[in-house]
Protein backbone atom coordinates (compact mmCIF):
# COMPACT_ATOMS: atom_id res chain seq x y z
CA MET A 1 69.41 -111.26 -77.58
CA SER A 2 69.41 -107.29 -76.03
CA MET A 3 69.20 -105.05 -78.70
CA VAL A 4 71.18 -101.82 -79.19
CA THR A 5 69.45 -98.88 -80.12
CA ALA A 6 72.09 -96.83 -82.93
CA ALA A 7 71.78 -93.87 -80.01
CA ASP A 8 72.94 -96.50 -77.67
CA ALA A 9 76.25 -97.55 -80.36
CA THR A 10 77.01 -94.76 -80.52
CA GLU A 11 77.59 -93.40 -77.02
CA GLN A 12 78.15 -96.81 -75.98
CA ALA A 13 81.09 -97.19 -72.86
CA VAL A 14 84.38 -98.99 -73.60
CA GLU A 15 83.84 -99.98 -69.75
CA VAL A 16 80.69 -101.48 -68.35
CA ILE A 17 78.97 -99.11 -65.69
CA ARG A 18 77.97 -100.57 -62.86
CA VAL A 19 74.40 -99.15 -61.15
CA LEU A 20 73.02 -99.17 -58.04
CA VAL A 21 69.33 -98.17 -57.92
CA VAL A 22 67.87 -97.06 -55.02
CA ASP A 23 63.83 -97.28 -54.90
CA ASP A 24 61.20 -98.54 -52.24
CA HIS A 25 58.64 -99.65 -55.03
CA PRO A 26 60.13 -103.58 -56.65
CA THR A 27 58.05 -102.83 -59.53
CA VAL A 28 60.76 -99.67 -60.71
CA HIS A 29 63.90 -102.11 -59.88
CA MET A 30 62.35 -104.64 -62.58
CA GLY A 31 61.88 -101.80 -64.86
CA LEU A 32 65.29 -100.33 -64.87
CA ALA A 33 66.57 -103.81 -64.80
CA THR A 34 64.97 -104.33 -68.01
CA VAL A 35 66.16 -101.09 -69.80
CA LEU A 36 69.62 -100.98 -68.19
CA THR A 37 69.85 -104.25 -69.88
CA ALA A 38 69.17 -103.55 -73.35
CA ALA A 39 71.95 -101.67 -74.36
CA GLN A 40 75.65 -102.71 -73.57
CA GLY A 41 77.65 -100.56 -71.44
CA VAL A 42 74.77 -100.43 -68.13
CA GLU A 43 74.78 -103.01 -65.63
CA MET A 44 72.53 -102.79 -63.02
CA VAL A 45 74.54 -104.32 -60.30
CA ALA A 46 71.96 -104.23 -57.25
CA ALA A 47 68.52 -102.93 -55.87
CA GLU A 48 67.75 -101.79 -53.26
CA THR A 49 64.29 -100.09 -51.59
CA SER A 50 65.29 -98.33 -48.90
CA GLY A 51 67.58 -95.42 -47.93
CA ALA A 52 69.26 -96.96 -45.07
CA ASP A 53 69.60 -100.10 -47.10
CA GLY A 54 71.30 -98.47 -50.40
CA VAL A 55 73.58 -96.83 -48.48
CA ALA A 56 74.77 -100.02 -46.14
CA ALA A 57 75.13 -101.93 -49.81
CA TYR A 58 77.25 -98.62 -51.38
CA PRO A 59 80.68 -99.67 -49.89
CA ARG A 60 80.20 -103.76 -50.88
CA VAL A 61 79.12 -103.06 -54.15
CA ARG A 62 80.88 -100.17 -55.24
CA PRO A 63 78.92 -98.62 -58.21
CA ASP A 64 79.74 -96.65 -60.59
CA VAL A 65 76.58 -94.23 -60.52
CA VAL A 66 73.77 -94.32 -57.81
CA LEU A 67 70.04 -94.27 -58.97
CA LEU A 68 67.77 -92.70 -56.17
CA ASP A 69 64.68 -91.93 -55.56
CA LEU A 70 63.78 -88.83 -53.40
CA THR A 71 60.70 -90.10 -52.26
CA MET A 72 61.00 -93.31 -49.55
CA PRO A 73 59.19 -94.32 -46.53
CA ASP A 74 62.34 -94.98 -44.49
CA GLN A 75 64.10 -91.77 -45.47
CA SER A 76 64.08 -89.13 -47.48
CA GLY A 77 66.57 -89.18 -50.53
CA HIS A 78 68.00 -86.14 -49.59
CA VAL A 79 68.87 -87.61 -46.42
CA THR A 80 70.15 -90.78 -48.97
CA LEU A 81 72.35 -88.70 -50.78
CA GLN A 82 73.70 -86.98 -48.15
CA GLN A 83 74.87 -89.99 -46.46
CA LEU A 84 76.34 -91.09 -49.85
CA LEU A 85 78.56 -88.60 -50.00
CA ALA A 86 79.68 -88.56 -46.83
CA GLN A 87 80.38 -91.95 -47.13
CA ASP A 88 82.24 -91.34 -50.45
CA PRO A 89 82.62 -87.63 -51.57
CA ASP A 90 83.24 -88.58 -54.77
CA ALA A 91 80.70 -90.93 -55.33
CA ARG A 92 78.51 -89.95 -58.58
CA VAL A 93 74.47 -89.89 -57.72
CA LEU A 94 71.53 -89.40 -60.63
CA VAL A 95 68.56 -88.36 -58.72
CA LEU A 96 65.85 -90.03 -60.46
CA THR A 97 62.24 -89.16 -59.43
CA ALA A 98 59.29 -88.15 -60.24
CA SER A 99 59.34 -85.02 -58.61
CA ALA A 100 59.75 -81.72 -60.31
CA SER A 101 59.60 -79.48 -57.44
CA SER A 102 61.80 -76.52 -57.38
CA ALA A 103 62.49 -77.14 -53.86
CA ASP A 104 63.27 -80.59 -54.40
CA VAL A 105 65.87 -79.96 -57.13
CA SER A 106 67.54 -77.19 -55.98
CA GLU A 107 68.35 -79.07 -52.51
CA ALA A 108 69.53 -81.86 -54.37
CA LEU A 109 71.68 -80.02 -56.83
CA GLY A 110 72.92 -77.71 -53.65
CA ALA A 111 73.96 -81.30 -51.64
CA GLY A 112 75.86 -82.74 -55.14
CA ALA A 113 73.66 -85.08 -56.81
CA ALA A 114 75.54 -85.75 -60.07
CA GLY A 115 72.16 -84.77 -62.12
CA TYR A 116 68.42 -85.18 -61.74
CA VAL A 117 66.15 -87.11 -64.28
CA LEU A 118 62.07 -87.69 -63.53
CA LYS A 119 61.44 -90.75 -64.09
CA ASP A 120 58.91 -91.15 -67.56
CA VAL A 121 62.63 -90.52 -69.29
CA ASP A 122 62.89 -92.72 -71.71
CA GLY A 123 65.27 -95.39 -72.36
CA PRO A 124 68.24 -94.23 -74.10
CA GLY A 125 67.43 -91.09 -72.39
CA LEU A 126 68.10 -92.65 -69.14
CA ARG A 127 71.41 -94.46 -70.41
CA ALA A 128 72.48 -91.51 -72.04
CA ALA A 129 72.52 -89.73 -68.36
CA ILE A 130 73.90 -92.22 -66.36
CA ARG A 131 76.32 -92.53 -69.43
CA ALA A 132 76.81 -88.38 -68.97
CA VAL A 133 77.15 -88.93 -65.32
CA ARG A 134 80.01 -91.30 -65.39
CA ARG A 135 81.64 -89.02 -67.78
CA GLY A 136 81.57 -85.96 -64.98
CA GLU A 137 78.66 -84.40 -66.94
CA VAL A 138 75.54 -83.16 -64.85
CA PRO A 139 72.60 -84.16 -66.73
CA VAL A 140 69.47 -82.25 -65.73
CA ASP A 141 65.87 -82.59 -67.34
CA ALA A 142 65.17 -79.75 -69.14
CA ARG A 143 61.39 -79.50 -67.09
CA VAL A 144 63.56 -79.53 -64.12
CA THR A 145 65.29 -76.45 -65.01
CA ARG A 146 62.19 -74.65 -66.70
CA ALA A 147 61.11 -75.42 -62.97
CA LEU A 148 63.85 -73.65 -60.91
CA LEU A 149 63.56 -71.02 -63.69
CA ARG A 150 60.29 -70.22 -62.26
CA GLU A 151 62.04 -69.71 -58.65
CA THR A 152 65.04 -68.11 -59.63
CA PRO A 153 65.21 -64.60 -60.27
CA GLY A 154 67.06 -63.34 -62.89
CA ALA A 155 70.51 -61.90 -63.59
CA GLU A 156 71.48 -59.23 -65.88
CA THR A 157 73.80 -60.27 -69.04
CA PRO A 158 77.60 -59.90 -67.75
CA PRO A 159 78.66 -57.42 -70.55
CA SER A 160 81.44 -60.41 -72.11
CA ALA A 161 78.32 -62.58 -73.52
CA MET A 162 77.52 -59.98 -75.83
CA HIS A 163 80.67 -61.75 -77.03
CA LEU A 164 79.74 -65.24 -77.38
CA THR A 165 80.46 -66.36 -80.83
CA GLN A 166 78.20 -68.16 -83.05
CA ARG A 167 79.67 -71.88 -82.15
CA GLU A 168 79.41 -70.44 -78.39
CA TYR A 169 75.98 -69.81 -79.10
CA ASP A 170 75.35 -73.07 -80.50
CA VAL A 171 76.68 -74.93 -77.57
CA LEU A 172 74.60 -73.48 -75.02
CA ARG A 173 71.35 -73.63 -77.36
CA LEU A 174 71.99 -77.64 -77.18
CA LEU A 175 72.98 -77.15 -73.76
CA ARG A 176 70.21 -75.64 -72.81
CA ASP A 177 67.95 -78.89 -74.27
CA GLY A 178 69.67 -81.57 -72.57
CA LEU A 179 72.49 -82.89 -74.86
CA SER A 180 75.17 -84.02 -73.87
CA ASN A 181 79.07 -83.48 -75.00
CA GLN A 182 78.98 -86.10 -77.44
CA GLN A 183 75.38 -85.63 -78.77
CA ILE A 184 76.30 -81.47 -79.19
CA GLY A 185 79.40 -82.85 -81.39
CA GLN A 186 77.13 -85.17 -83.60
CA ARG A 187 74.42 -82.58 -83.87
CA LEU A 188 76.96 -79.72 -84.92
CA GLY A 189 79.47 -82.24 -86.69
CA ILE A 190 83.26 -81.26 -84.60
CA ARG A 191 84.45 -83.38 -81.85
CA GLN A 192 83.64 -83.69 -78.24
CA ASN A 193 87.38 -81.92 -77.00
CA THR A 194 85.92 -78.78 -79.19
CA VAL A 195 82.89 -78.77 -77.53
CA LYS A 196 84.51 -78.40 -74.08
CA THR A 197 86.75 -75.56 -75.47
CA HIS A 198 83.82 -74.08 -77.12
CA LEU A 199 81.61 -74.60 -73.48
CA ARG A 200 84.63 -73.64 -71.26
CA ASN A 201 84.82 -70.32 -73.20
CA ALA A 202 80.52 -69.63 -73.14
CA PHE A 203 81.59 -70.64 -69.70
CA ALA A 204 83.56 -67.43 -69.06
CA HIS A 205 81.60 -65.23 -71.66
CA ILE A 206 79.05 -65.84 -69.29
CA GLY A 207 80.17 -65.84 -66.17
CA VAL A 208 78.93 -69.31 -64.79
CA THR A 209 81.55 -72.19 -63.89
CA ASP A 210 79.27 -75.63 -64.45
CA ARG A 211 76.70 -77.10 -66.74
CA THR A 212 73.26 -76.29 -64.65
CA ALA A 213 73.88 -72.56 -64.29
CA ALA A 214 74.90 -72.09 -67.94
CA ALA A 215 71.08 -74.45 -68.88
CA LEU A 216 69.42 -71.90 -66.51
CA TRP A 217 71.39 -68.72 -68.19
CA ALA A 218 70.99 -69.97 -71.72
CA TYR A 219 66.76 -70.20 -70.96
CA ARG A 220 66.97 -66.95 -69.70
CA HIS A 221 69.34 -65.01 -72.10
CA LEU A 222 69.19 -66.77 -75.25
CA GLY A 223 67.48 -64.88 -78.03
CA GLU A 224 68.33 -62.04 -76.23
CA VAL A 225 72.26 -62.05 -76.65
CA LYS A 226 73.63 -61.04 -80.62
CA VAL A 227 76.24 -63.34 -81.46
CA GLY A 228 79.39 -61.65 -82.48
């Protein structure tokens, strides 16, 4: 009998999210199979040990989310990512790798990866990231964001950022910490649609258009901006 954690129960999707794993280590496949089936709503439908095989399997399996390692012997995960997106521009590819290199992160996200998670993530965290990708969010490990910050020059704070409301500040801070919209809503006691509204307004105030850029901004500037 599979066990469902409280966190999984609150985030459980109505549909089953079909996951294709592309990683050259069979032991990783076995571990992921255990992690993904430990809760309802996520299913590993196929696992391939090479990038080429992953690309070939994609049209046959039609997964909702691809878990992709970046380091594989036949071809890099970056090449595989490009091939998957060339085949299906709407493919949702979540990078799951050991590399927190800012170069890898920038290249993967810039090429269209739907998220970037490190391999030491725990089971609930990985399942939450998969669900976030399925919802159209872009989960990025907080350590990865910090790696990017070390390499990315700081940008000036837009004057409009001084007009962040307390709630916009709160949602940006929690976004920075890697929480999904649902987790932010639970933490603040507000609905997901309200979270989205606060994020949309906050993005406009700080001059960004996506969650990753907002998280980078929050790492650099929260604590410096007085909220209204």
